[in-house]
C-alpha cells in the first residue's frame, strides 16, 4: 500500500483550533495535543475501524514502523493509509510535509 501523513492542521483536516470536532477521529478518539508515539493511529478507507495493522516502512521512514489502530477514515484512495504525525497547532507540521508518499508493507493483525 501507499502511506501519506497528516496532522491536525487546517491544511490536513480542514478544522480550526476552535472547532469542537477538531482532532476527534471517526471512532471518537481524541488526537488533540497527542503525538504520533502516543497514539499510533492510521486512517483508512480499506480496513474497518479498530483493525490492528503492522506497518513496515522502508529504511527512510523506519521510525514509523510498528502496530497501528485504524481509528479514522478520510477522503483518499482505498490503497492509501494516512499516518497520524501529531498535533502541532494550526500550521502544517514539517514532518507531515517531509513524509511525502511512501510504499508500506501492511499485515492485518486483527
PDB file of N, CA and C in Angstrom:
ATOM      1  N   UNK A   1       0.840  -1.182   0.000  1.00  0.00           N
ATOM      2  CA  UNK A   1       0.000   0.000   0.000  1.00  0.00           C
ATOM      3  C   UNK A   1       0.883   1.243   0.000  1.00  0.00           C
ATOM      4  N   UNK A   2       0.252   2.363  -0.135  1.00  0.00           N
ATOM      5  CA  UNK A   2       0.957   3.635  -0.076  1.00  0.00           C
ATOM      6  C   UNK A   2       0.555   4.348   1.211  1.00  0.00           C
ATOM      7  N   UNK A   3       1.482   5.058   1.808  1.00  0.00           N
ATOM      8  CA  UNK A   3       1.202   5.807   3.032  1.00  0.00           C
ATOM      9  C   UNK A   3       1.486   7.288   2.818  1.00  0.00           C
ATOM     10  N   UNK A   4       0.642   8.098   3.426  1.00  0.00           N
ATOM     11  CA  UNK A   4       0.836   9.542   3.499  1.00  0.00           C
ATOM     12  C   UNK A   4       0.759   9.900   4.980  1.00  0.00           C
ATOM     13  N   UNK A   5       0.943  11.168   5.304  1.00  0.00           N
ATOM     14  CA  UNK A   5       0.910  11.586   6.702  1.00  0.00           C
ATOM     15  C   UNK A   5      -0.028  12.769   6.881  1.00  0.00           C
ATOM     16  N   UNK A   6      -0.609  12.857   8.068  1.00  0.00           N
ATOM     17  CA  UNK A   6      -1.450  14.007   8.394  1.00  0.00           C
ATOM     18  C   UNK A   6      -1.212  14.444   9.824  1.00  0.00           C
ATOM     19  N   UNK A   7      -1.566  15.697  10.074  1.00  0.00           N
ATOM     20  CA  UNK A   7      -1.540  16.249  11.423  1.00  0.00           C
ATOM     21  C   UNK A   7      -2.897  16.893  11.654  1.00  0.00           C
ATOM     22  N   UNK A   8      -3.037  17.737  12.654  1.00  0.00           N
ATOM     23  CA  UNK A   8      -4.331  18.362  12.921  1.00  0.00           C
ATOM     24  C   UNK A   8      -4.417  19.786  12.390  1.00  0.00           C
ATOM     25  N   UNK A   9      -3.528  20.142  11.484  1.00  0.00           N
ATOM     26  CA  UNK A   9      -3.552  21.483  10.910  1.00  0.00           C
ATOM     27  C   UNK A   9      -4.807  21.691  10.059  1.00  0.00           C
ATOM     28  N   UNK A  10      -5.136  22.954   9.821  1.00  0.00           N
ATOM     29  CA  UNK A  10      -6.268  23.275   8.954  1.00  0.00           C
ATOM     30  C   UNK A  10      -6.040  22.677   7.566  1.00  0.00           C
ATOM     31  N   UNK A  11      -4.797  22.709   7.081  1.00  0.00           N
ATOM     32  CA  UNK A  11      -4.490  22.179   5.756  1.00  0.00           C
ATOM     33  C   UNK A  11      -4.747  20.672   5.680  1.00  0.00           C
ATOM     34  N   UNK A  12      -4.456  19.936   6.736  1.00  0.00           N
ATOM     35  CA  UNK A  12      -4.645  18.486   6.732  1.00  0.00           C
ATOM     36  C   UNK A  12      -6.088  18.082   7.018  1.00  0.00           C
ATOM     37  N   UNK A  13      -6.702  18.740   7.991  1.00  0.00           N
ATOM     38  CA  UNK A  13      -8.020  18.294   8.451  1.00  0.00           C
ATOM     39  C   UNK A  13      -9.156  19.273   8.175  1.00  0.00           C
ATOM     40  N   UNK A  14      -8.815  20.508   7.819  1.00  0.00           N
ATOM     41  CA  UNK A  14      -9.851  21.477   7.485  1.00  0.00           C
ATOM     42  C   UNK A  14     -10.591  22.056   8.666  1.00  0.00           C
ATOM     43  N   UNK A  15     -10.066  21.868   9.873  1.00  0.00           N
ATOM     44  CA  UNK A  15     -10.760  22.365  11.067  1.00  0.00           C
ATOM     45  C   UNK A  15      -9.845  23.250  11.894  1.00  0.00           C
ATOM     46  N   UNK A  16     -10.367  24.378  12.329  1.00  0.00           N
ATOM     47  CA  UNK A  16      -9.586  25.299  13.156  1.00  0.00           C
ATOM     48  C   UNK A  16      -9.536  24.803  14.597  1.00  0.00           C
ATOM     49  N   UNK A  17      -8.638  25.417  15.366  1.00  0.00           N
ATOM     50  CA  UNK A  17      -8.473  25.075  16.774  1.00  0.00           C
ATOM     51  C   UNK A  17      -9.778  25.207  17.553  1.00  0.00           C
ATOM     52  N   UNK A  18     -10.621  26.141  17.154  1.00  0.00           N
ATOM     53  CA  UNK A  18     -11.861  26.392  17.887  1.00  0.00           C
ATOM     54  C   UNK A  18     -12.994  25.425  17.516  1.00  0.00           C
ATOM     55  N   UNK A  19     -12.810  24.620  16.487  1.00  0.00           N
ATOM     56  CA  UNK A  19     -13.839  23.673  16.075  1.00  0.00           C
ATOM     57  C   UNK A  19     -13.912  22.531  17.086  1.00  0.00           C
ATOM     58  N   UNK A  20     -15.091  22.266  17.673  1.00  0.00           N
ATOM     59  CA  UNK A  20     -15.198  21.226  18.704  1.00  0.00           C
ATOM     60  C   UNK A  20     -14.935  19.809  18.197  1.00  0.00           C
ATOM     61  N   UNK A  21     -14.981  19.600  16.883  1.00  0.00           N
ATOM     62  CA  UNK A  21     -14.716  18.259  16.357  1.00  0.00           C
ATOM     63  C   UNK A  21     -13.284  18.098  15.862  1.00  0.00           C
ATOM     64  N   UNK A  22     -12.471  19.140  15.993  1.00  0.00           N
ATOM     65  CA  UNK A  22     -11.064  19.070  15.575  1.00  0.00           C
ATOM     66  C   UNK A  22     -10.363  17.962  16.363  1.00  0.00           C
ATOM     67  N   UNK A  23      -9.687  17.066  15.665  1.00  0.00           N
ATOM     68  CA  UNK A  23      -8.894  16.024  16.310  1.00  0.00           C
ATOM     69  C   UNK A  23      -9.674  14.836  16.820  1.00  0.00           C
ATOM     70  N   UNK A  24     -10.973  14.801  16.571  1.00  0.00           N
ATOM     71  CA  UNK A  24     -11.782  13.664  17.009  1.00  0.00           C
ATOM     72  C   UNK A  24     -11.927  12.710  15.822  1.00  0.00           C
ATOM     73  N   UNK A  25     -11.460  11.487  15.990  1.00  0.00           N
ATOM     74  CA  UNK A  25     -11.492  10.507  14.910  1.00  0.00           C
ATOM     75  C   UNK A  25     -12.906   9.956  14.715  1.00  0.00           C
ATOM     76  N   UNK A  26     -13.090   9.211  13.654  1.00  0.00           N
ATOM     77  CA  UNK A  26     -14.398   8.620  13.340  1.00  0.00           C
ATOM     78  C   UNK A  26     -14.907   7.755  14.491  1.00  0.00           C
ATOM     79  N   UNK A  27     -14.002   7.074  15.209  1.00  0.00           N
ATOM     80  CA  UNK A  27     -14.431   6.224  16.325  1.00  0.00           C
ATOM     81  C   UNK A  27     -14.484   6.962  17.660  1.00  0.00           C
ATOM     82  N   UNK A  28     -14.291   8.300  17.636  1.00  0.00           N
ATOM     83  CA  UNK A  28     -14.423   9.105  18.847  1.00  0.00           C
ATOM     84  C   UNK A  28     -13.151   9.335  19.626  1.00  0.00           C
ATOM     85  N   UNK A  29     -12.026   8.836  19.161  1.00  0.00           N
ATOM     86  CA  UNK A  29     -10.747   9.010  19.842  1.00  0.00           C
ATOM     87  C   UNK A  29     -10.261  10.451  19.680  1.00  0.00           C
ATOM     88  N   UNK A  30      -9.742  11.038  20.742  1.00  0.00           N
ATOM     89  CA  UNK A  30      -9.301  12.432  20.737  1.00  0.00           C
ATOM     90  C   UNK A  30      -7.788  12.510  20.503  1.00  0.00           C
ATOM     91  N   UNK A  31      -7.393  13.056  19.349  1.00  0.00           N
ATOM     92  CA  UNK A  31      -5.977  13.197  18.997  1.00  0.00           C
ATOM     93  C   UNK A  31      -5.371  14.522  19.457  1.00  0.00           C
ATOM     94  N   UNK A  32      -6.185  15.443  19.949  1.00  0.00           N
ATOM     95  CA  UNK A  32      -5.692  16.759  20.341  1.00  0.00           C
ATOM     96  C   UNK A  32      -4.558  16.665  21.355  1.00  0.00           C
ATOM     97  N   UNK A  33      -3.485  17.407  21.046  1.00  0.00           N
ATOM     98  CA  UNK A  33      -2.292  17.509  21.894  1.00  0.00           C
ATOM     99  C   UNK A  33      -1.578  16.169  22.096  1.00  0.00           C
ATOM    100  N   UNK A  34      -1.812  15.231  21.196  1.00  0.00           N
ATOM    101  CA  UNK A  34      -1.126  13.936  21.280  1.00  0.00           C
ATOM    102  C   UNK A  34      -0.147  13.807  20.129  1.00  0.00           C
ATOM    103  N   UNK A  35       0.948  13.124  20.401  1.00  0.00           N
ATOM    104  CA  UNK A  35       1.989  12.900  19.396  1.00  0.00           C
ATOM    105  C   UNK A  35       1.763  11.555  18.705  1.00  0.00           C
ATOM    106  N   UNK A  36       2.519  11.349  17.657  1.00  0.00           N
ATOM    107  CA  UNK A  36       2.493  10.064  16.946  1.00  0.00           C
ATOM    108  C   UNK A  36       2.803   8.919  17.897  1.00  0.00           C
ATOM    109  N   UNK A  37       3.835   9.078  18.705  1.00  0.00           N
ATOM    110  CA  UNK A  37       4.269   7.985  19.584  1.00  0.00           C
ATOM    111  C   UNK A  37       3.263   7.681  20.693  1.00  0.00           C
ATOM    112  N   UNK A  38       2.368   8.607  20.978  1.00  0.00           N
ATOM    113  CA  UNK A  38       1.328   8.363  21.981  1.00  0.00           C
ATOM    114  C   UNK A  38       0.114   7.634  21.395  1.00  0.00           C
ATOM    115  N   UNK A  39      -0.069   7.729  20.083  1.00  0.00           N
ATOM    116  CA  UNK A  39      -1.321   7.247  19.506  1.00  0.00           C
ATOM    117  C   UNK A  39      -1.198   6.082  18.544  1.00  0.00           C
ATOM    118  N   UNK A  40      -0.216   6.084  17.667  1.00  0.00           N
ATOM    119  CA  UNK A  40      -0.065   5.057  16.631  1.00  0.00           C
ATOM    120  C   UNK A  40      -1.393   4.840  15.901  1.00  0.00           C
ATOM    121  N   UNK A  41      -1.931   5.948  15.377  1.00  0.00           N
ATOM    122  CA  UNK A  41      -3.217   5.949  14.691  1.00  0.00           C
ATOM    123  C   UNK A  41      -3.022   6.065  13.187  1.00  0.00           C
ATOM    124  N   UNK A  42      -3.870   5.357  12.445  1.00  0.00           N
ATOM    125  CA  UNK A  42      -3.875   5.449  10.993  1.00  0.00           C
ATOM    126  C   UNK A  42      -5.313   5.608  10.517  1.00  0.00           C
ATOM    127  N   UNK A  43      -5.486   6.360   9.434  1.00  0.00           N
ATOM    128  CA  UNK A  43      -6.790   6.489   8.779  1.00  0.00           C
ATOM    129  C   UNK A  43      -6.787   5.585   7.555  1.00  0.00           C
ATOM    130  N   UNK A  44      -7.931   4.942   7.310  1.00  0.00           N
ATOM    131  CA  UNK A  44      -8.019   4.029   6.182  1.00  0.00           C
ATOM    132  C   UNK A  44      -9.448   3.924   5.689  1.00  0.00           C
ATOM    133  N   UNK A  45      -9.606   3.805   4.390  1.00  0.00           N
ATOM    134  CA  UNK A  45     -10.914   3.511   3.803  1.00  0.00           C
ATOM    135  C   UNK A  45     -11.012   2.037   3.423  1.00  0.00           C
ATOM    136  N   UNK A  46      -9.937   1.290   3.615  1.00  0.00           N
ATOM    137  CA  UNK A  46      -9.894  -0.123   3.224  1.00  0.00           C
ATOM    138  C   UNK A  46     -10.196  -1.056   4.390  1.00  0.00           C
ATOM    139  N   UNK A  47      -9.750  -0.688   5.592  1.00  0.00           N
ATOM    140  CA  UNK A  47      -9.899  -1.556   6.756  1.00  0.00           C
ATOM    141  C   UNK A  47     -10.928  -0.983   7.733  1.00  0.00           C
ATOM    142  N   UNK A  48     -11.702  -1.841   8.393  1.00  0.00           N
ATOM    143  CA  UNK A  48     -12.694  -1.363   9.362  1.00  0.00           C
ATOM    144  C   UNK A  48     -12.044  -0.680  10.568  1.00  0.00           C
ATOM    145  N   UNK A  49     -12.782   0.230  11.174  1.00  0.00           N
ATOM    146  CA  UNK A  49     -12.314   0.883  12.398  1.00  0.00           C
ATOM    147  C   UNK A  49     -11.983  -0.181  13.435  1.00  0.00           C
ATOM    148  N   UNK A  50     -10.917   0.045  14.178  1.00  0.00           N
ATOM    149  CA  UNK A  50     -10.492  -0.887  15.215  1.00  0.00           C
ATOM    150  C   UNK A  50      -9.503  -1.940  14.745  1.00  0.00           C
ATOM    151  N   UNK A  51      -9.303  -2.053  13.441  1.00  0.00           N
ATOM    152  CA  UNK A  51      -8.354  -3.032  12.906  1.00  0.00           C
ATOM    153  C   UNK A  51      -6.936  -2.690  13.345  1.00  0.00           C
ATOM    154  N   UNK A  52      -6.200  -3.681  13.781  1.00  0.00           N
ATOM    155  CA  UNK A  52      -4.785  -3.508  14.149  1.00  0.00           C
ATOM    156  C   UNK A  52      -3.938  -3.896  12.944  1.00  0.00           C
ATOM    157  N   UNK A  53      -3.019  -3.020  12.575  1.00  0.00           N
ATOM    158  CA  UNK A  53      -2.166  -3.232  11.410  1.00  0.00           C
ATOM    159  C   UNK A  53      -0.699  -3.131  11.802  1.00  0.00           C
ATOM    160  N   UNK A  54       0.106  -4.080  11.353  1.00  0.00           N
ATOM    161  CA  UNK A  54       1.559  -3.990  11.489  1.00  0.00           C
ATOM    162  C   UNK A  54       2.053  -3.340  10.205  1.00  0.00           C
ATOM    163  N   UNK A  55       2.681  -2.166  10.309  1.00  0.00           N
ATOM    164  CA  UNK A  55       3.197  -1.455   9.150  1.00  0.00           C
ATOM    165  C   UNK A  55       4.710  -1.536   9.132  1.00  0.00           C
ATOM    166  N   UNK A  56       5.257  -1.905   7.987  1.00  0.00           N
ATOM    167  CA  UNK A  56       6.705  -1.967   7.801  1.00  0.00           C
ATOM    168  C   UNK A  56       7.086  -0.958   6.721  1.00  0.00           C
ATOM    169  N   UNK A  57       7.784   0.083   7.151  1.00  0.00           N
ATOM    170  CA  UNK A  57       8.210   1.142   6.247  1.00  0.00           C
ATOM    171  C   UNK A  57       9.630   0.885   5.761  1.00  0.00           C
ATOM    172  N   UNK A  58       9.993   1.484   4.622  1.00  0.00           N
ATOM    173  CA  UNK A  58      11.377   1.375   4.158  1.00  0.00           C
ATOM    174  C   UNK A  58      12.315   2.115   5.113  1.00  0.00           C
ATOM    175  N   UNK A  59      13.597   1.899   4.944  1.00  0.00           N
ATOM    176  CA  UNK A  59      14.622   2.493   5.814  1.00  0.00           C
ATOM    177  C   UNK A  59      14.427   3.997   6.006  1.00  0.00           C
ATOM    178  N   UNK A  60      14.079   4.709   4.952  1.00  0.00           N
ATOM    179  CA  UNK A  60      13.921   6.166   5.039  1.00  0.00           C
ATOM    180  C   UNK A  60      12.812   6.594   6.002  1.00  0.00           C
ATOM    181  N   UNK A  61      11.864   5.709   6.283  1.00  0.00           N
ATOM    182  CA  UNK A  61      10.730   6.017   7.159  1.00  0.00           C
ATOM    183  C   UNK A  61      10.608   4.982   8.287  1.00  0.00           C
ATOM    184  N   UNK A  62      11.698   4.303   8.583  1.00  0.00           N
ATOM    185  CA  UNK A  62      11.675   3.192   9.531  1.00  0.00           C
ATOM    186  C   UNK A  62      11.112   3.554  10.904  1.00  0.00           C
ATOM    187  N   UNK A  63      11.283   4.795  11.333  1.00  0.00           N
ATOM    188  CA  UNK A  63      10.796   5.177  12.672  1.00  0.00           C
ATOM    189  C   UNK A  63       9.278   5.069  12.787  1.00  0.00           C
ATOM    190  N   UNK A  64       8.587   4.959  11.659  1.00  0.00           N
ATOM    191  CA  UNK A  64       7.131   4.827  11.674  1.00  0.00           C
ATOM    192  C   UNK A  64       6.679   3.371  11.682  1.00  0.00           C
ATOM    193  N   UNK A  65       7.586   2.431  11.547  1.00  0.00           N
ATOM    194  CA  UNK A  65       7.206   1.018  11.555  1.00  0.00           C
ATOM    195  C   UNK A  65       6.678   0.641  12.933  1.00  0.00           C
ATOM    196  N   UNK A  66       5.597  -0.127  12.950  1.00  0.00           N
ATOM    197  CA  UNK A  66       5.012  -0.554  14.214  1.00  0.00           C
ATOM    198  C   UNK A  66       3.566  -0.963  14.040  1.00  0.00           C
ATOM    199  N   UNK A  67       2.881  -1.140  15.169  1.00  0.00           N
ATOM    200  CA  UNK A  67       1.490  -1.565  15.178  1.00  0.00           C
ATOM    201  C   UNK A  67       0.594  -0.336  15.332  1.00  0.00           C
ATOM    202  N   UNK A  68      -0.346  -0.207  14.420  1.00  0.00           N
ATOM    203  CA  UNK A  68      -1.275   0.914  14.386  1.00  0.00           C
ATOM    204  C   UNK A  68      -2.709   0.427  14.558  1.00  0.00           C
ATOM    205  N   UNK A  69      -3.572   1.324  15.012  1.00  0.00           N
ATOM    206  CA  UNK A  69      -5.002   1.064  15.084  1.00  0.00           C
ATOM    207  C   UNK A  69      -5.710   1.976  14.090  1.00  0.00           C
ATOM    208  N   UNK A  70      -6.600   1.395  13.292  1.00  0.00           N
ATOM    209  CA  UNK A  70      -7.414   2.198  12.382  1.00  0.00           C
ATOM    210  C   UNK A  70      -8.503   2.869  13.217  1.00  0.00           C
ATOM    211  N   UNK A  71      -8.437   4.192  13.312  1.00  0.00           N
ATOM    212  CA  UNK A  71      -9.396   4.946  14.110  1.00  0.00           C
ATOM    213  C   UNK A  71     -10.166   5.978  13.299  1.00  0.00           C
ATOM    214  N   UNK A  72      -9.790   6.138  12.035  1.00  0.00           N
ATOM    215  CA  UNK A  72     -10.408   7.202  11.250  1.00  0.00           C
ATOM    216  C   UNK A  72     -10.506   6.793   9.786  1.00  0.00           C
ATOM    217  N   UNK A  73     -11.295   7.543   9.048  1.00  0.00           N
ATOM    218  CA  UNK A  73     -11.431   7.385   7.607  1.00  0.00           C
ATOM    219  C   UNK A  73     -11.118   8.730   6.979  1.00  0.00           C
ATOM    220  N   UNK A  74     -11.028   8.769   5.673  1.00  0.00           N
ATOM    221  CA  UNK A  74     -10.705  10.034   5.024  1.00  0.00           C
ATOM    222  C   UNK A  74     -11.148  10.060   3.587  1.00  0.00           C
ATOM    223  N   UNK A  75     -10.802  11.127   2.912  1.00  0.00           N
ATOM    224  CA  UNK A  75     -11.144  11.299   1.506  1.00  0.00           C
ATOM    225  C   UNK A  75      -9.938  10.959   0.647  1.00  0.00           C
ATOM    226  N   UNK A  76      -9.562   9.687   0.626  1.00  0.00           N
ATOM    227  CA  UNK A  76      -8.424   9.257  -0.170  1.00  0.00           C
ATOM    228  C   UNK A  76      -8.675   7.852  -0.687  1.00  0.00           C
ATOM    229  N   UNK A  77      -7.797   7.388  -1.526  1.00  0.00           N
ATOM    230  CA  UNK A  77      -7.895   6.108  -2.218  1.00  0.00           C
ATOM    231  C   UNK A  77      -7.925   4.933  -1.244  1.00  0.00           C
ATOM    232  N   UNK A  78      -8.564   3.848  -1.662  1.00  0.00           N
ATOM    233  CA  UNK A  78      -8.657   2.630  -0.844  1.00  0.00           C
ATOM    234  C   UNK A  78      -7.287   2.019  -0.538  1.00  0.00           C
ATOM    235  N   UNK A  79      -6.304   2.222  -1.382  1.00  0.00           N
ATOM    236  CA  UNK A  79      -4.991   1.624  -1.183  1.00  0.00           C
ATOM    237  C   UNK A  79      -3.994   2.579  -0.543  1.00  0.00           C
ATOM    238  N   UNK A  80      -4.504   3.579   0.172  1.00  0.00           N
ATOM    239  CA  UNK A  80      -3.662   4.551   0.867  1.00  0.00           C
ATOM    240  C   UNK A  80      -3.997   4.531   2.353  1.00  0.00           C
ATOM    241  N   UNK A  81      -2.966   4.553   3.174  1.00  0.00           N
ATOM    242  CA  UNK A  81      -3.117   4.727   4.619  1.00  0.00           C
ATOM    243  C   UNK A  81      -2.607   6.121   4.963  1.00  0.00           C
ATOM    244  N   UNK A  82      -3.267   6.789   5.881  1.00  0.00           N
ATOM    245  CA  UNK A  82      -2.859   8.119   6.314  1.00  0.00           C
ATOM    246  C   UNK A  82      -2.378   7.996   7.760  1.00  0.00           C
ATOM    247  N   UNK A  83      -1.095   8.219   7.983  1.00  0.00           N
ATOM    248  CA  UNK A  83      -0.456   8.034   9.290  1.00  0.00           C
ATOM    249  C   UNK A  83      -0.502   9.341  10.071  1.00  0.00           C
ATOM    250  N   UNK A  84      -1.020   9.279  11.302  1.00  0.00           N
ATOM    251  CA  UNK A  84      -1.082  10.467  12.155  1.00  0.00           C
ATOM    252  C   UNK A  84       0.316  10.804  12.672  1.00  0.00           C
ATOM    253  N   UNK A  85       0.745  12.056  12.431  1.00  0.00           N
ATOM    254  CA  UNK A  85       2.072  12.533  12.831  1.00  0.00           C
ATOM    255  C   UNK A  85       2.057  13.191  14.207  1.00  0.00           C
ATOM    256  N   UNK A  86       0.987  13.936  14.511  1.00  0.00           N
ATOM    257  CA  UNK A  86       0.899  14.622  15.797  1.00  0.00           C
ATOM    258  C   UNK A  86       0.180  15.946  15.664  1.00  0.00           C
ATOM    259  N   UNK A  87      -0.049  16.569  16.788  1.00  0.00           N
ATOM    260  CA  UNK A  87      -0.741  17.856  16.847  1.00  0.00           C
ATOM    261  C   UNK A  87       0.288  18.950  17.073  1.00  0.00           C
ATOM    262  N   UNK A  88       0.464  19.794  16.067  1.00  0.00           N
ATOM    263  CA  UNK A  88       1.407  20.904  16.216  1.00  0.00           C
ATOM    264  C   UNK A  88       0.695  22.239  16.023  1.00  0.00           C
ATOM    265  N   UNK A  89      -0.610  22.268  16.299  1.00  0.00           N
ATOM    266  CA  UNK A  89      -1.367  23.506  16.176  1.00  0.00           C
ATOM    267  C   UNK A  89      -2.040  23.621  14.822  1.00  0.00           C
ATOM    268  N   UNK A  90      -2.243  24.850  14.383  1.00  0.00           N
ATOM    269  CA  UNK A  90      -2.988  25.085  13.151  1.00  0.00           C
ATOM    270  C   UNK A  90      -2.122  25.075  11.895  1.00  0.00           C
ATOM    271  N   UNK A  91      -0.809  25.096  12.049  1.00  0.00           N
ATOM    272  CA  UNK A  91       0.076  25.074  10.891  1.00  0.00           C
ATOM    273  C   UNK A  91       0.521  23.639  10.598  1.00  0.00           C
ATOM    274  N   UNK A  92       0.736  23.359   9.322  1.00  0.00           N
ATOM    275  CA  UNK A  92       1.179  22.022   8.926  1.00  0.00           C
ATOM    276  C   UNK A  92       2.531  21.712   9.571  1.00  0.00           C
ATOM    277  N   UNK A  93       2.632  20.560  10.176  1.00  0.00           N
ATOM    278  CA  UNK A  93       3.874  20.108  10.796  1.00  0.00           C
ATOM    279  C   UNK A  93       4.871  19.755   9.687  1.00  0.00           C
ATOM    280  N   UNK A  94       6.084  20.218   9.793  1.00  0.00           N
ATOM    281  CA  UNK A  94       7.112  19.963   8.774  1.00  0.00           C
ATOM    282  C   UNK A  94       7.297  18.463   8.532  1.00  0.00           C
ATOM    283  N   UNK A  95       7.142  17.682   9.564  1.00  0.00           N
ATOM    284  CA  UNK A  95       7.298  16.228   9.437  1.00  0.00           C
ATOM    285  C   UNK A  95       6.241  15.642   8.494  1.00  0.00           C
ATOM    286  N   UNK A  96       5.033  16.175   8.525  1.00  0.00           N
ATOM    287  CA  UNK A  96       3.975  15.711   7.624  1.00  0.00           C
ATOM    288  C   UNK A  96       4.317  16.045   6.178  1.00  0.00           C
ATOM    289  N   UNK A  97       4.883  17.205   5.951  1.00  0.00           N
ATOM    290  CA  UNK A  97       5.284  17.618   4.606  1.00  0.00           C
ATOM    291  C   UNK A  97       6.410  16.721   4.098  1.00  0.00           C
ATOM    292  N   UNK A  98       7.423  16.506   4.934  1.00  0.00           N
ATOM    293  CA  UNK A  98       8.584  15.715   4.538  1.00  0.00           C
ATOM    294  C   UNK A  98       8.263  14.232   4.371  1.00  0.00           C
ATOM    295  N   UNK A  99       7.212  13.749   5.012  1.00  0.00           N
ATOM    296  CA  UNK A  99       6.819  12.341   4.922  1.00  0.00           C
ATOM    297  C   UNK A  99       6.536  11.953   3.472  1.00  0.00           C
ATOM    298  N   UNK A 100       5.816  12.808   2.767  1.00  0.00           N
ATOM    299  CA  UNK A 100       5.507  12.546   1.357  1.00  0.00           C
ATOM    300  C   UNK A 100       4.606  11.338   1.178  1.00  0.00           C
ATOM    301  N   UNK A 101       4.843  10.595   0.104  1.00  0.00           N
ATOM    302  CA  UNK A 101       4.128   9.351  -0.188  1.00  0.00           C
ATOM    303  C   UNK A 101       5.156   8.233  -0.232  1.00  0.00           C
ATOM    304  N   UNK A 102       4.880   7.144   0.458  1.00  0.00           N
ATOM    305  CA  UNK A 102       5.857   6.057   0.553  1.00  0.00           C
ATOM    306  C   UNK A 102       5.135   4.708   0.534  1.00  0.00           C
ATOM    307  N   UNK A 103       5.766   3.731  -0.073  1.00  0.00           N
ATOM    308  CA  UNK A 103       5.232   2.374  -0.074  1.00  0.00           C
ATOM    309  C   UNK A 103       5.424   1.765   1.313  1.00  0.00           C
ATOM    310  N   UNK A 104       4.419   1.027   1.782  1.00  0.00           N
ATOM    311  CA  UNK A 104       4.482   0.410   3.099  1.00  0.00           C
ATOM    312  C   UNK A 104       3.909  -1.002   3.005  1.00  0.00           C
ATOM    313  N   UNK A 105       4.537  -1.946   3.716  1.00  0.00           N
ATOM    314  CA  UNK A 105       4.008  -3.311   3.809  1.00  0.00           C
ATOM    315  C   UNK A 105       3.012  -3.337   4.956  1.00  0.00           C
ATOM    316  N   UNK A 106       1.861  -3.965   4.722  1.00  0.00           N
ATOM    317  CA  UNK A 106       0.781  -3.992   5.712  1.00  0.00           C
ATOM    318  C   UNK A 106       0.408  -5.429   6.038  1.00  0.00           C
ATOM    319  N   UNK A 107       0.396  -5.739   7.328  1.00  0.00           N
ATOM    320  CA  UNK A 107      -0.041  -7.037   7.810  1.00  0.00           C
ATOM    321  C   UNK A 107      -1.207  -6.798   8.764  1.00  0.00           C
ATOM    322  N   UNK A 108      -2.349  -7.418   8.489  1.00  0.00           N
ATOM    323  CA  UNK A 108      -3.521  -7.288   9.354  1.00  0.00           C
ATOM    324  C   UNK A 108      -3.338  -8.208  10.543  1.00  0.00           C
ATOM    325  N   UNK A 109      -3.372  -7.646  11.764  1.00  0.00           N
ATOM    326  CA  UNK A 109      -3.187  -8.435  12.979  1.00  0.00           C
ATOM    327  C   UNK A 109      -4.521  -8.902  13.560  1.00  0.00           C
ATOM    328  N   UNK A 110      -5.534  -8.071  13.480  1.00  0.00           N
ATOM    329  CA  UNK A 110      -6.875  -8.448  13.977  1.00  0.00           C
ATOM    330  C   UNK A 110      -7.928  -7.576  13.368  1.00  0.00           C
TER     331      UNK A 110
END
